[in-house]
């Protein structure tokens, strides 16, 4: 093991040992359960970033984390105060199992938890599912019945975000409105695309209600 890896391991152990019961209790119990699952899967550095981040309700429940592993994060230089933005960029504001993500066709844009930052899907099958510039390589790590899901990815998401889609109109907020013609609909895939190929976030949330509740 190199000296850099030893240093990272030492810092992780110091952070874990220095976390007090009060700090743990202050966080949402779903997040506590999810971070334990992350640690069991050896995503210690990502857990360290969560523990370093200020309390933020956007990261404590009803969220999906996209997690680079320890080796990838060890080579990353992060500016002071940028941890929260990094976590928001690496998360989706809804708990999505990989079986749900698989339904999104190539070209779909999914909102991240970071305002005005969209994630673009390239769906080439379960073993080649790419979000922006990274591939999901370890799906469904967090599955312990909480409101948090997480998936391992093979890199760090680029800070260059896709522009956010235009705000929804009254027509596409109406679930009974006639959907625009966006081409053939594959059986079993959700109608989540607007006519310009971007994901309608409101419609996505309505669709997910039937999956999780």
N, C-alpha and C. Protein backbone atom coordinates (compact mmCIF):
# COMPACT_ATOMS: atom_id res chain seq x y z
N UNK A 1 0.85 -1.19 0.00
CA UNK A 1 0.00 0.00 0.00
C UNK A 1 0.89 1.25 0.00
N UNK A 2 0.60 2.21 -0.86
CA UNK A 2 1.41 3.41 -0.95
C UNK A 2 1.18 4.30 0.25
N UNK A 3 2.09 5.28 0.44
CA UNK A 3 1.95 6.20 1.55
C UNK A 3 0.70 7.05 1.44
N UNK A 4 0.31 7.40 0.18
CA UNK A 4 -0.92 8.18 -0.01
C UNK A 4 -2.15 7.40 0.44
N UNK A 5 -2.19 6.11 0.09
CA UNK A 5 -3.33 5.30 0.49
C UNK A 5 -3.36 5.11 2.00
N UNK A 6 -2.19 4.97 2.63
CA UNK A 6 -2.14 4.86 4.08
C UNK A 6 -2.65 6.12 4.74
N UNK A 7 -2.30 7.27 4.18
CA UNK A 7 -2.76 8.53 4.74
C UNK A 7 -4.27 8.66 4.63
N UNK A 8 -4.84 8.28 3.46
CA UNK A 8 -6.29 8.34 3.29
C UNK A 8 -6.98 7.43 4.29
N UNK A 9 -6.46 6.20 4.44
CA UNK A 9 -7.05 5.26 5.39
C UNK A 9 -6.99 5.81 6.81
N UNK A 10 -5.85 6.43 7.17
CA UNK A 10 -5.71 7.00 8.52
C UNK A 10 -6.73 8.11 8.75
N UNK A 11 -6.90 9.01 7.77
CA UNK A 11 -7.85 10.11 7.91
C UNK A 11 -9.27 9.60 8.05
N UNK A 12 -9.60 8.55 7.29
CA UNK A 12 -10.95 7.98 7.37
C UNK A 12 -11.20 7.42 8.77
N UNK A 13 -10.23 6.66 9.30
CA UNK A 13 -10.39 6.07 10.62
C UNK A 13 -10.49 7.16 11.69
N UNK A 14 -9.72 8.24 11.56
CA UNK A 14 -9.79 9.33 12.51
C UNK A 14 -11.15 10.00 12.49
N UNK A 15 -11.71 10.19 11.27
CA UNK A 15 -13.02 10.84 11.15
C UNK A 15 -14.10 9.97 11.77
N UNK A 16 -14.07 8.65 11.49
CA UNK A 16 -15.08 7.76 12.03
C UNK A 16 -15.01 7.72 13.55
N UNK A 17 -13.79 7.65 14.09
CA UNK A 17 -13.64 7.54 15.54
C UNK A 17 -13.99 8.83 16.25
N UNK A 18 -13.88 9.98 15.53
CA UNK A 18 -14.15 11.27 16.16
C UNK A 18 -15.61 11.68 16.06
N UNK A 19 -16.43 10.92 15.34
CA UNK A 19 -17.85 11.25 15.21
C UNK A 19 -18.56 10.90 16.51
N UNK A 20 -19.17 11.87 17.14
CA UNK A 20 -19.80 11.66 18.43
C UNK A 20 -21.23 11.17 18.26
N UNK A 21 -21.83 10.51 19.30
CA UNK A 21 -23.23 10.10 19.22
C UNK A 21 -24.17 11.25 18.93
N UNK A 22 -23.85 12.46 19.47
CA UNK A 22 -24.71 13.61 19.22
C UNK A 22 -24.75 13.96 17.74
N UNK A 23 -23.59 13.91 17.08
CA UNK A 23 -23.54 14.21 15.64
C UNK A 23 -24.33 13.18 14.85
N UNK A 24 -24.25 11.91 15.27
CA UNK A 24 -24.99 10.86 14.57
C UNK A 24 -26.48 11.05 14.75
N UNK A 25 -26.89 11.35 16.00
CA UNK A 25 -28.31 11.53 16.28
C UNK A 25 -28.89 12.72 15.54
N UNK A 26 -28.04 13.74 15.26
CA UNK A 26 -28.53 14.95 14.60
C UNK A 26 -28.89 14.68 13.15
N UNK A 27 -28.37 13.61 12.58
CA UNK A 27 -28.64 13.31 11.18
C UNK A 27 -29.84 12.38 11.05
N UNK A 28 -30.49 12.50 9.92
CA UNK A 28 -31.63 11.65 9.63
C UNK A 28 -31.24 10.18 9.73
N UNK A 29 -32.08 9.37 10.37
CA UNK A 29 -31.73 7.97 10.58
C UNK A 29 -31.63 7.20 9.26
N UNK A 30 -32.37 7.62 8.25
CA UNK A 30 -32.22 6.99 6.93
C UNK A 30 -30.81 7.20 6.39
N UNK A 31 -30.26 8.40 6.61
CA UNK A 31 -28.91 8.70 6.14
C UNK A 31 -27.89 7.89 6.94
N UNK A 32 -28.11 7.74 8.23
CA UNK A 32 -27.20 6.94 9.06
C UNK A 32 -27.17 5.49 8.55
N UNK A 33 -28.37 4.94 8.29
CA UNK A 33 -28.45 3.56 7.79
C UNK A 33 -27.77 3.42 6.43
N UNK A 34 -27.97 4.43 5.56
CA UNK A 34 -27.37 4.37 4.22
C UNK A 34 -25.85 4.45 4.29
N UNK A 35 -25.32 5.30 5.16
CA UNK A 35 -23.86 5.42 5.25
C UNK A 35 -23.24 4.13 5.78
N UNK A 36 -23.95 3.42 6.62
CA UNK A 36 -23.44 2.12 7.09
C UNK A 36 -23.35 1.13 5.93
N UNK A 37 -24.35 1.17 5.04
CA UNK A 37 -24.30 0.30 3.86
C UNK A 37 -23.16 0.71 2.94
N UNK A 38 -22.94 2.01 2.80
CA UNK A 38 -21.82 2.49 1.99
C UNK A 38 -20.49 2.00 2.56
N UNK A 39 -20.34 2.06 3.88
CA UNK A 39 -19.09 1.61 4.50
C UNK A 39 -18.89 0.11 4.30
N UNK A 40 -19.97 -0.66 4.39
CA UNK A 40 -19.84 -2.11 4.16
C UNK A 40 -19.39 -2.41 2.75
N UNK A 41 -19.72 -1.50 1.81
CA UNK A 41 -19.30 -1.67 0.41
C UNK A 41 -17.98 -0.97 0.13
N UNK A 42 -17.31 -0.48 1.18
CA UNK A 42 -15.98 0.15 1.08
C UNK A 42 -15.98 1.52 0.41
N UNK A 43 -17.08 2.27 0.55
CA UNK A 43 -17.12 3.65 0.06
C UNK A 43 -16.88 4.59 1.25
N UNK A 44 -15.72 4.43 1.91
CA UNK A 44 -15.44 5.17 3.13
C UNK A 44 -15.26 6.66 2.89
N UNK A 45 -14.59 7.03 1.80
CA UNK A 45 -14.33 8.45 1.55
C UNK A 45 -15.61 9.19 1.24
N UNK A 46 -16.54 8.57 0.52
CA UNK A 46 -17.81 9.23 0.24
C UNK A 46 -18.57 9.47 1.55
N UNK A 47 -18.53 8.48 2.46
CA UNK A 47 -19.16 8.65 3.77
C UNK A 47 -18.48 9.80 4.52
N UNK A 48 -17.16 9.89 4.42
CA UNK A 48 -16.44 10.98 5.07
C UNK A 48 -16.93 12.34 4.56
N UNK A 49 -17.16 12.45 3.25
CA UNK A 49 -17.67 13.71 2.69
C UNK A 49 -19.06 14.02 3.21
N UNK A 50 -19.91 13.01 3.34
CA UNK A 50 -21.26 13.23 3.89
C UNK A 50 -21.15 13.74 5.32
N UNK A 51 -20.26 13.15 6.11
CA UNK A 51 -20.10 13.57 7.50
C UNK A 51 -19.50 14.97 7.62
N UNK A 52 -18.69 15.36 6.63
CA UNK A 52 -18.08 16.69 6.63
C UNK A 52 -19.07 17.77 6.21
N UNK A 53 -20.07 17.39 5.42
CA UNK A 53 -21.00 18.37 4.86
C UNK A 53 -21.94 18.91 5.93
N UNK A 54 -22.30 20.20 5.87
CA UNK A 54 -23.31 20.74 6.79
C UNK A 54 -24.63 20.00 6.60
N UNK A 55 -25.44 19.95 7.66
CA UNK A 55 -26.75 19.30 7.56
C UNK A 55 -27.56 19.94 6.44
N UNK A 56 -28.12 19.12 5.57
CA UNK A 56 -28.87 19.61 4.42
C UNK A 56 -29.99 18.61 4.14
N UNK A 57 -31.23 19.05 4.25
CA UNK A 57 -32.37 18.14 4.08
C UNK A 57 -32.39 17.50 2.70
N UNK A 58 -31.76 18.14 1.71
CA UNK A 58 -31.73 17.56 0.36
C UNK A 58 -30.89 16.30 0.31
N UNK A 59 -30.03 16.08 1.32
CA UNK A 59 -29.13 14.93 1.32
C UNK A 59 -29.48 13.92 2.41
N UNK A 60 -30.57 14.13 3.11
CA UNK A 60 -30.88 13.29 4.26
C UNK A 60 -32.00 12.29 4.01
N UNK A 61 -32.64 12.36 2.86
CA UNK A 61 -33.71 11.43 2.54
C UNK A 61 -34.30 11.72 1.19
N UNK A 62 -35.01 10.71 0.61
CA UNK A 62 -35.60 10.85 -0.72
C UNK A 62 -34.55 11.29 -1.73
N UNK A 63 -33.44 10.55 -1.77
CA UNK A 63 -32.32 10.93 -2.62
C UNK A 63 -31.59 9.68 -3.10
N UNK A 64 -30.96 9.80 -4.25
CA UNK A 64 -30.09 8.75 -4.79
C UNK A 64 -28.68 9.31 -4.92
N UNK A 65 -27.70 8.65 -4.29
CA UNK A 65 -26.31 9.08 -4.39
C UNK A 65 -25.59 8.30 -5.50
N UNK A 66 -24.74 9.01 -6.24
CA UNK A 66 -23.86 8.42 -7.25
C UNK A 66 -22.44 8.55 -6.70
N UNK A 67 -21.81 7.42 -6.34
CA UNK A 67 -20.62 7.44 -5.49
C UNK A 67 -19.35 6.99 -6.22
N UNK A 68 -18.37 7.88 -6.39
CA UNK A 68 -17.04 7.43 -6.80
C UNK A 68 -16.40 6.66 -5.64
N UNK A 69 -15.49 5.73 -5.96
CA UNK A 69 -14.88 4.96 -4.88
C UNK A 69 -13.70 5.72 -4.26
N UNK A 70 -13.08 5.11 -3.21
CA UNK A 70 -12.02 5.78 -2.47
C UNK A 70 -10.83 6.14 -3.36
N UNK A 71 -10.45 5.24 -4.25
CA UNK A 71 -9.28 5.48 -5.11
C UNK A 71 -9.50 6.70 -5.99
N UNK A 72 -10.72 6.85 -6.55
CA UNK A 72 -11.01 7.99 -7.41
C UNK A 72 -11.02 9.29 -6.61
N UNK A 73 -11.60 9.26 -5.42
CA UNK A 73 -11.68 10.48 -4.62
C UNK A 73 -10.33 10.86 -4.03
N UNK A 74 -9.43 9.88 -3.83
CA UNK A 74 -8.11 10.18 -3.27
C UNK A 74 -7.29 11.06 -4.21
N UNK A 75 -7.58 10.97 -5.52
CA UNK A 75 -6.83 11.75 -6.51
C UNK A 75 -7.49 13.08 -6.83
N UNK A 76 -8.54 13.42 -6.09
CA UNK A 76 -9.31 14.62 -6.40
C UNK A 76 -8.94 15.75 -5.45
N UNK A 77 -8.76 16.96 -5.99
CA UNK A 77 -8.50 18.15 -5.18
C UNK A 77 -9.82 18.89 -5.02
N UNK A 78 -10.28 19.02 -3.76
CA UNK A 78 -11.56 19.68 -3.51
C UNK A 78 -11.32 20.97 -2.73
N UNK A 79 -11.88 22.06 -3.22
CA UNK A 79 -11.74 23.34 -2.56
C UNK A 79 -12.53 23.37 -1.26
N UNK A 80 -12.05 24.14 -0.29
CA UNK A 80 -12.75 24.27 0.98
C UNK A 80 -14.15 24.85 0.75
N UNK A 81 -15.14 24.26 1.38
CA UNK A 81 -16.51 24.74 1.23
C UNK A 81 -17.24 24.17 0.04
N UNK A 82 -16.57 23.28 -0.75
CA UNK A 82 -17.20 22.76 -1.96
C UNK A 82 -17.79 21.36 -1.76
N UNK A 83 -17.70 20.82 -0.53
CA UNK A 83 -18.16 19.45 -0.29
C UNK A 83 -19.66 19.35 -0.54
N UNK A 84 -20.43 20.30 -0.05
CA UNK A 84 -21.89 20.25 -0.22
C UNK A 84 -22.27 20.26 -1.70
N UNK A 85 -21.63 21.14 -2.48
CA UNK A 85 -21.92 21.19 -3.91
C UNK A 85 -21.55 19.90 -4.61
N UNK A 86 -20.44 19.29 -4.20
CA UNK A 86 -20.02 18.01 -4.78
C UNK A 86 -21.07 16.94 -4.52
N UNK A 87 -21.57 16.84 -3.28
CA UNK A 87 -22.58 15.84 -2.95
C UNK A 87 -23.90 16.10 -3.67
N UNK A 88 -24.29 17.37 -3.77
CA UNK A 88 -25.53 17.70 -4.47
C UNK A 88 -25.42 17.34 -5.95
N UNK A 89 -24.24 17.58 -6.56
CA UNK A 89 -24.03 17.23 -7.96
C UNK A 89 -24.03 15.72 -8.16
N UNK A 90 -23.64 14.97 -7.13
CA UNK A 90 -23.58 13.51 -7.20
C UNK A 90 -24.80 12.86 -6.57
N UNK A 91 -25.94 13.53 -6.69
CA UNK A 91 -27.17 12.95 -6.14
C UNK A 91 -28.37 13.37 -6.98
N UNK A 92 -29.42 12.57 -6.90
CA UNK A 92 -30.68 12.79 -7.61
C UNK A 92 -31.78 12.91 -6.57
N UNK A 93 -32.66 13.92 -6.65
CA UNK A 93 -33.64 14.15 -5.59
C UNK A 93 -34.84 13.20 -5.63
N UNK A 94 -34.55 11.91 -5.67
CA UNK A 94 -35.58 10.87 -5.60
C UNK A 94 -34.87 9.55 -5.39
N UNK A 95 -35.41 8.63 -4.57
CA UNK A 95 -34.74 7.35 -4.34
C UNK A 95 -34.98 6.37 -5.48
N UNK A 96 -34.00 6.18 -6.36
CA UNK A 96 -34.17 5.40 -7.58
C UNK A 96 -33.31 4.14 -7.55
N UNK A 97 -33.95 2.99 -7.53
CA UNK A 97 -33.23 1.74 -7.75
C UNK A 97 -32.76 1.69 -9.20
N UNK A 98 -31.76 0.86 -9.47
CA UNK A 98 -31.24 0.79 -10.83
C UNK A 98 -32.30 0.27 -11.81
N UNK A 99 -33.22 -0.57 -11.34
CA UNK A 99 -34.29 -1.07 -12.20
C UNK A 99 -35.13 0.09 -12.75
N UNK A 100 -35.26 1.16 -11.98
CA UNK A 100 -35.99 2.34 -12.45
C UNK A 100 -35.12 3.15 -13.42
N UNK A 101 -33.87 3.37 -13.08
CA UNK A 101 -32.97 4.11 -13.97
C UNK A 101 -32.87 3.44 -15.34
N UNK A 102 -32.92 2.11 -15.35
CA UNK A 102 -32.82 1.38 -16.62
C UNK A 102 -33.94 1.71 -17.58
N UNK A 103 -35.06 2.22 -17.07
CA UNK A 103 -36.19 2.55 -17.94
C UNK A 103 -35.99 3.85 -18.70
N UNK A 104 -35.00 4.66 -18.32
CA UNK A 104 -34.77 5.95 -18.98
C UNK A 104 -33.93 5.74 -20.24
N UNK A 105 -34.45 6.08 -21.41
CA UNK A 105 -33.69 5.87 -22.65
C UNK A 105 -32.56 6.89 -22.82
N UNK A 106 -31.65 6.59 -23.73
CA UNK A 106 -30.55 7.50 -24.05
C UNK A 106 -31.10 8.87 -24.44
N UNK A 107 -30.48 9.91 -23.90
CA UNK A 107 -30.92 11.28 -24.19
C UNK A 107 -31.77 11.88 -23.10
N UNK A 108 -32.27 11.04 -22.17
CA UNK A 108 -33.05 11.55 -21.06
C UNK A 108 -32.16 12.41 -20.17
N UNK A 109 -32.68 13.53 -19.67
CA UNK A 109 -31.96 14.33 -18.69
C UNK A 109 -32.68 14.25 -17.36
N UNK A 110 -31.89 13.97 -16.31
CA UNK A 110 -32.41 13.81 -14.95
C UNK A 110 -31.88 14.96 -14.11
N UNK A 111 -32.72 15.59 -13.31
CA UNK A 111 -32.20 16.68 -12.46
C UNK A 111 -31.34 16.13 -11.33
N UNK A 112 -30.20 16.75 -11.09
CA UNK A 112 -29.43 16.44 -9.89
C UNK A 112 -29.99 17.27 -8.75
N UNK A 113 -29.47 17.05 -7.53
CA UNK A 113 -29.92 17.84 -6.39
C UNK A 113 -29.33 19.24 -6.41
N UNK A 114 -28.31 19.46 -7.25
CA UNK A 114 -27.71 20.78 -7.38
C UNK A 114 -28.57 21.63 -8.31
N UNK A 115 -29.05 22.79 -7.87
CA UNK A 115 -29.94 23.60 -8.71
C UNK A 115 -29.34 23.87 -10.09
N UNK A 116 -30.20 23.77 -11.10
CA UNK A 116 -29.83 24.06 -12.50
C UNK A 116 -28.79 23.12 -13.06
N UNK A 117 -28.64 21.93 -12.49
CA UNK A 117 -27.65 20.97 -12.98
C UNK A 117 -28.36 19.67 -13.36
N UNK A 118 -28.33 19.34 -14.65
CA UNK A 118 -29.01 18.16 -15.16
C UNK A 118 -28.00 17.08 -15.52
N UNK A 119 -28.42 15.83 -15.39
CA UNK A 119 -27.58 14.67 -15.71
C UNK A 119 -28.16 13.97 -16.94
N UNK A 120 -27.31 13.72 -17.95
CA UNK A 120 -27.78 13.12 -19.20
C UNK A 120 -27.46 11.63 -19.23
N UNK A 121 -28.46 10.85 -19.64
CA UNK A 121 -28.37 9.39 -19.65
C UNK A 121 -27.90 8.89 -21.02
N UNK A 122 -26.98 7.92 -21.00
CA UNK A 122 -26.65 7.12 -22.18
C UNK A 122 -26.89 5.67 -21.78
N UNK A 123 -28.01 5.13 -22.19
CA UNK A 123 -28.42 3.80 -21.76
C UNK A 123 -28.09 2.77 -22.84
N UNK A 124 -26.98 2.05 -22.61
CA UNK A 124 -26.56 0.99 -23.54
C UNK A 124 -26.63 -0.37 -22.87
N UNK A 125 -27.56 -0.51 -21.96
CA UNK A 125 -27.72 -1.78 -21.25
C UNK A 125 -27.16 -1.73 -19.85
N UNK A 126 -27.47 -2.74 -19.06
CA UNK A 126 -27.12 -2.76 -17.64
C UNK A 126 -25.62 -2.60 -17.40
N UNK A 127 -24.78 -3.17 -18.28
CA UNK A 127 -23.34 -3.12 -18.07
C UNK A 127 -22.68 -1.90 -18.70
N UNK A 128 -23.46 -1.06 -19.34
CA UNK A 128 -22.89 0.13 -19.97
C UNK A 128 -23.89 1.28 -19.86
N UNK A 129 -24.25 1.59 -18.62
CA UNK A 129 -25.21 2.66 -18.33
C UNK A 129 -24.43 3.86 -17.84
N UNK A 130 -24.45 4.94 -18.62
CA UNK A 130 -23.59 6.10 -18.36
C UNK A 130 -24.45 7.32 -18.02
N UNK A 131 -24.05 8.04 -16.97
CA UNK A 131 -24.68 9.31 -16.60
C UNK A 131 -23.62 10.39 -16.74
N UNK A 132 -23.87 11.34 -17.64
CA UNK A 132 -22.85 12.33 -18.02
C UNK A 132 -21.59 11.61 -18.48
N UNK A 133 -20.51 11.70 -17.72
CA UNK A 133 -19.24 11.13 -18.16
C UNK A 133 -18.85 9.89 -17.38
N UNK A 134 -19.76 9.32 -16.57
CA UNK A 134 -19.38 8.19 -15.73
C UNK A 134 -20.37 7.03 -15.88
N UNK A 135 -19.86 5.82 -15.65
CA UNK A 135 -20.67 4.61 -15.77
C UNK A 135 -21.06 4.11 -14.38
N UNK A 136 -22.30 3.62 -14.25
CA UNK A 136 -22.71 2.97 -13.01
C UNK A 136 -22.14 1.56 -13.01
N UNK A 137 -21.28 1.25 -12.03
CA UNK A 137 -20.61 -0.05 -12.02
C UNK A 137 -21.03 -0.92 -10.83
N UNK A 138 -21.61 -0.31 -9.80
CA UNK A 138 -22.06 -1.08 -8.62
C UNK A 138 -23.45 -0.60 -8.22
N UNK A 139 -24.49 -1.10 -8.90
CA UNK A 139 -25.84 -0.61 -8.62
C UNK A 139 -26.38 -1.15 -7.30
N UNK A 140 -27.34 -0.39 -6.75
CA UNK A 140 -28.16 -0.84 -5.61
C UNK A 140 -27.33 -1.22 -4.39
N UNK A 141 -26.44 -0.33 -3.97
CA UNK A 141 -25.67 -0.57 -2.75
C UNK A 141 -26.52 -0.28 -1.52
N UNK A 142 -27.32 0.78 -1.58
CA UNK A 142 -28.19 1.15 -0.46
C UNK A 142 -29.61 0.67 -0.76
N UNK A 143 -30.01 -0.40 -0.11
CA UNK A 143 -31.34 -0.98 -0.38
C UNK A 143 -32.05 -1.37 0.91
N UNK A 144 -31.60 -0.84 2.04
CA UNK A 144 -32.09 -1.30 3.33
C UNK A 144 -33.44 -0.76 3.75
N UNK A 145 -34.33 -0.51 2.80
CA UNK A 145 -35.68 -0.09 3.15
C UNK A 145 -35.81 1.37 3.52
N UNK A 146 -34.75 2.15 3.35
CA UNK A 146 -34.81 3.57 3.69
C UNK A 146 -35.24 4.38 2.47
N UNK A 147 -35.27 5.70 2.64
CA UNK A 147 -35.63 6.59 1.52
C UNK A 147 -34.40 7.03 0.76
N UNK A 148 -33.29 6.30 0.91
CA UNK A 148 -32.05 6.63 0.22
C UNK A 148 -31.58 5.44 -0.60
N UNK A 149 -31.18 5.70 -1.84
CA UNK A 149 -30.58 4.68 -2.69
C UNK A 149 -29.20 5.19 -3.10
N UNK A 150 -28.30 4.28 -3.44
CA UNK A 150 -26.98 4.71 -3.88
C UNK A 150 -26.38 3.68 -4.84
N UNK A 151 -25.57 4.19 -5.76
CA UNK A 151 -24.93 3.37 -6.79
C UNK A 151 -23.47 3.80 -6.93
N UNK A 152 -22.58 2.83 -7.09
CA UNK A 152 -21.18 3.14 -7.32
C UNK A 152 -20.94 3.51 -8.77
N UNK A 153 -20.10 4.52 -9.02
CA UNK A 153 -19.79 4.96 -10.37
C UNK A 153 -18.27 4.92 -10.58
N UNK A 154 -17.85 4.91 -11.85
CA UNK A 154 -16.43 4.70 -12.15
C UNK A 154 -15.66 6.00 -12.40
N UNK A 155 -16.13 7.09 -11.86
CA UNK A 155 -15.44 8.36 -12.01
C UNK A 155 -16.15 9.46 -11.25
N UNK A 156 -15.66 10.68 -11.40
CA UNK A 156 -16.25 11.85 -10.76
C UNK A 156 -17.05 12.61 -11.80
N UNK A 157 -18.28 12.98 -11.47
CA UNK A 157 -19.12 13.72 -12.41
C UNK A 157 -18.51 15.08 -12.71
N UNK A 158 -18.48 15.42 -13.97
CA UNK A 158 -17.93 16.70 -14.40
C UNK A 158 -18.70 17.86 -13.79
N UNK A 159 -17.97 18.95 -13.49
CA UNK A 159 -18.62 20.14 -12.95
C UNK A 159 -19.41 20.89 -14.02
N UNK A 160 -19.18 20.55 -15.28
CA UNK A 160 -19.93 21.19 -16.37
C UNK A 160 -21.29 20.51 -16.48
N UNK A 161 -22.33 21.18 -16.01
CA UNK A 161 -23.67 20.60 -15.97
C UNK A 161 -24.45 20.96 -17.23
N UNK A 162 -25.32 20.05 -17.62
CA UNK A 162 -26.27 20.35 -18.69
C UNK A 162 -27.26 21.38 -18.18
N UNK A 163 -27.62 22.34 -19.03
CA UNK A 163 -28.57 23.38 -18.61
C UNK A 163 -29.89 22.75 -18.22
N UNK A 164 -30.56 23.37 -17.27
CA UNK A 164 -31.83 22.86 -16.80
C UNK A 164 -32.89 23.01 -17.88
N UNK A 165 -33.84 22.08 -17.90
CA UNK A 165 -34.92 22.12 -18.88
C UNK A 165 -35.84 23.30 -18.58
N UNK A 166 -36.58 23.79 -19.60
CA UNK A 166 -37.52 24.88 -19.36
C UNK A 166 -38.54 24.48 -18.31
N UNK A 167 -39.06 25.45 -17.52
CA UNK A 167 -40.05 25.12 -16.50
C UNK A 167 -41.30 24.53 -17.12
N UNK A 168 -42.00 23.62 -16.42
CA UNK A 168 -43.20 23.00 -16.99
C UNK A 168 -44.31 24.01 -17.17
N UNK A 169 -45.11 23.79 -18.20
CA UNK A 169 -46.27 24.64 -18.45
C UNK A 169 -47.48 24.04 -17.76
N UNK A 170 -48.59 24.79 -17.76
CA UNK A 170 -49.81 24.28 -17.15
C UNK A 170 -50.29 23.02 -17.84
N UNK A 171 -50.04 22.90 -19.17
CA UNK A 171 -50.50 21.72 -19.91
C UNK A 171 -49.77 20.47 -19.45
N UNK A 172 -48.44 20.53 -19.31
CA UNK A 172 -47.75 19.30 -18.95
C UNK A 172 -47.75 19.04 -17.45
N UNK A 173 -48.30 19.98 -16.65
CA UNK A 173 -48.58 19.68 -15.26
C UNK A 173 -49.87 18.90 -15.10
N UNK A 174 -50.73 18.96 -16.12
CA UNK A 174 -52.02 18.29 -16.08
C UNK A 174 -51.86 16.85 -16.52
N UNK A 175 -52.06 15.86 -15.61
CA UNK A 175 -51.84 14.46 -16.00
C UNK A 175 -52.84 13.97 -17.02
N UNK A 176 -53.92 14.71 -17.24
CA UNK A 176 -54.93 14.28 -18.22
C UNK A 176 -54.77 14.96 -19.57
N UNK A 177 -53.78 15.84 -19.67
CA UNK A 177 -53.55 16.52 -20.94
C UNK A 177 -53.01 15.54 -21.96
N UNK A 178 -53.27 15.80 -23.23
CA UNK A 178 -52.77 14.93 -24.30
C UNK A 178 -51.26 15.09 -24.42
N UNK A 179 -50.55 13.97 -24.37
CA UNK A 179 -49.09 14.02 -24.46
C UNK A 179 -48.66 14.35 -25.87
N UNK A 180 -47.54 15.09 -26.03
CA UNK A 180 -47.03 15.37 -27.38
C UNK A 180 -46.52 14.10 -28.01
N UNK A 181 -46.48 14.10 -29.33
CA UNK A 181 -45.98 12.95 -30.07
C UNK A 181 -44.46 12.96 -30.05
N UNK A 182 -43.87 12.03 -29.27
CA UNK A 182 -42.41 11.99 -29.16
C UNK A 182 -41.85 10.70 -29.74
N UNK A 183 -42.61 10.05 -30.59
CA UNK A 183 -42.11 8.85 -31.22
C UNK A 183 -42.68 7.60 -30.56
N UNK A 184 -42.30 6.43 -31.07
CA UNK A 184 -42.84 5.17 -30.54
C UNK A 184 -42.50 5.01 -29.07
N UNK A 185 -43.46 4.45 -28.33
CA UNK A 185 -43.26 4.21 -26.90
C UNK A 185 -42.99 2.75 -26.68
N UNK A 186 -41.81 2.42 -26.11
CA UNK A 186 -41.46 1.05 -25.86
C UNK A 186 -42.27 0.52 -24.69
N UNK A 187 -42.79 -0.67 -24.85
CA UNK A 187 -43.60 -1.27 -23.79
C UNK A 187 -42.78 -1.38 -22.52
N UNK A 188 -43.37 -0.90 -21.39
CA UNK A 188 -42.71 -0.99 -20.11
C UNK A 188 -41.86 0.20 -19.76
N UNK A 189 -41.65 1.14 -20.69
CA UNK A 189 -40.84 2.31 -20.39
C UNK A 189 -41.76 3.49 -20.08
N UNK A 190 -41.37 4.34 -19.10
CA UNK A 190 -42.24 5.43 -18.69
C UNK A 190 -42.25 6.56 -19.71
N UNK A 191 -43.42 7.25 -19.83
CA UNK A 191 -43.50 8.45 -20.67
C UNK A 191 -42.97 9.61 -19.85
N UNK A 192 -41.65 9.86 -19.90
CA UNK A 192 -41.04 10.89 -19.08
C UNK A 192 -40.35 11.96 -19.92
N UNK A 193 -40.52 11.90 -21.24
CA UNK A 193 -39.79 12.83 -22.09
C UNK A 193 -40.72 13.90 -22.64
N UNK A 194 -40.23 15.13 -22.65
CA UNK A 194 -40.94 16.19 -23.34
C UNK A 194 -40.53 16.14 -24.81
N UNK A 195 -41.12 17.02 -25.61
CA UNK A 195 -40.88 16.95 -27.04
C UNK A 195 -39.43 17.25 -27.41
N UNK A 196 -38.67 17.92 -26.51
CA UNK A 196 -37.27 18.20 -26.85
C UNK A 196 -36.32 17.17 -26.27
N UNK A 197 -36.86 16.06 -25.73
CA UNK A 197 -36.01 14.98 -25.25
C UNK A 197 -35.57 15.13 -23.82
N UNK A 198 -35.99 16.18 -23.12
CA UNK A 198 -35.57 16.36 -21.72
C UNK A 198 -36.60 15.78 -20.79
N UNK A 199 -36.17 15.41 -19.60
CA UNK A 199 -37.04 14.78 -18.62
C UNK A 199 -37.91 15.82 -17.95
N UNK A 200 -39.19 15.58 -17.93
CA UNK A 200 -40.11 16.44 -17.20
C UNK A 200 -40.11 15.99 -15.76
N UNK A 201 -39.49 16.77 -14.90
CA UNK A 201 -39.27 16.35 -13.50
C UNK A 201 -40.59 16.12 -12.77
N UNK A 202 -41.57 16.98 -13.02
CA UNK A 202 -42.86 16.83 -12.33
C UNK A 202 -43.51 15.51 -12.71
N UNK A 203 -43.49 15.19 -14.01
CA UNK A 203 -44.08 13.94 -14.46
C UNK A 203 -43.32 12.75 -13.89
N UNK A 204 -41.98 12.86 -13.79
CA UNK A 204 -41.19 11.78 -13.22
C UNK A 204 -41.61 11.51 -11.78
N UNK A 205 -41.81 12.57 -10.99
CA UNK A 205 -42.20 12.38 -9.60
C UNK A 205 -43.56 11.70 -9.50
N UNK A 206 -44.50 12.12 -10.36
CA UNK A 206 -45.82 11.49 -10.35
C UNK A 206 -45.73 10.01 -10.71
N UNK A 207 -44.83 9.67 -11.65
CA UNK A 207 -44.67 8.28 -12.05
C UNK A 207 -44.08 7.45 -10.92
N UNK A 208 -43.12 8.05 -10.18
CA UNK A 208 -42.44 7.30 -9.12
C UNK A 208 -43.31 7.05 -7.93
N UNK A 209 -44.37 7.86 -7.75
CA UNK A 209 -45.29 7.62 -6.62
C UNK A 209 -45.86 6.23 -6.69
N UNK A 210 -46.17 5.78 -7.90
CA UNK A 210 -46.74 4.45 -8.05
C UNK A 210 -45.74 3.33 -7.79
N UNK A 211 -44.43 3.67 -7.79
CA UNK A 211 -43.39 2.66 -7.59
C UNK A 211 -43.05 2.51 -6.11
N UNK A 212 -43.02 3.65 -5.40
CA UNK A 212 -42.49 3.62 -4.05
C UNK A 212 -43.56 3.71 -2.96
N UNK A 213 -44.82 4.00 -3.32
CA UNK A 213 -45.84 4.12 -2.31
C UNK A 213 -47.02 3.22 -2.63
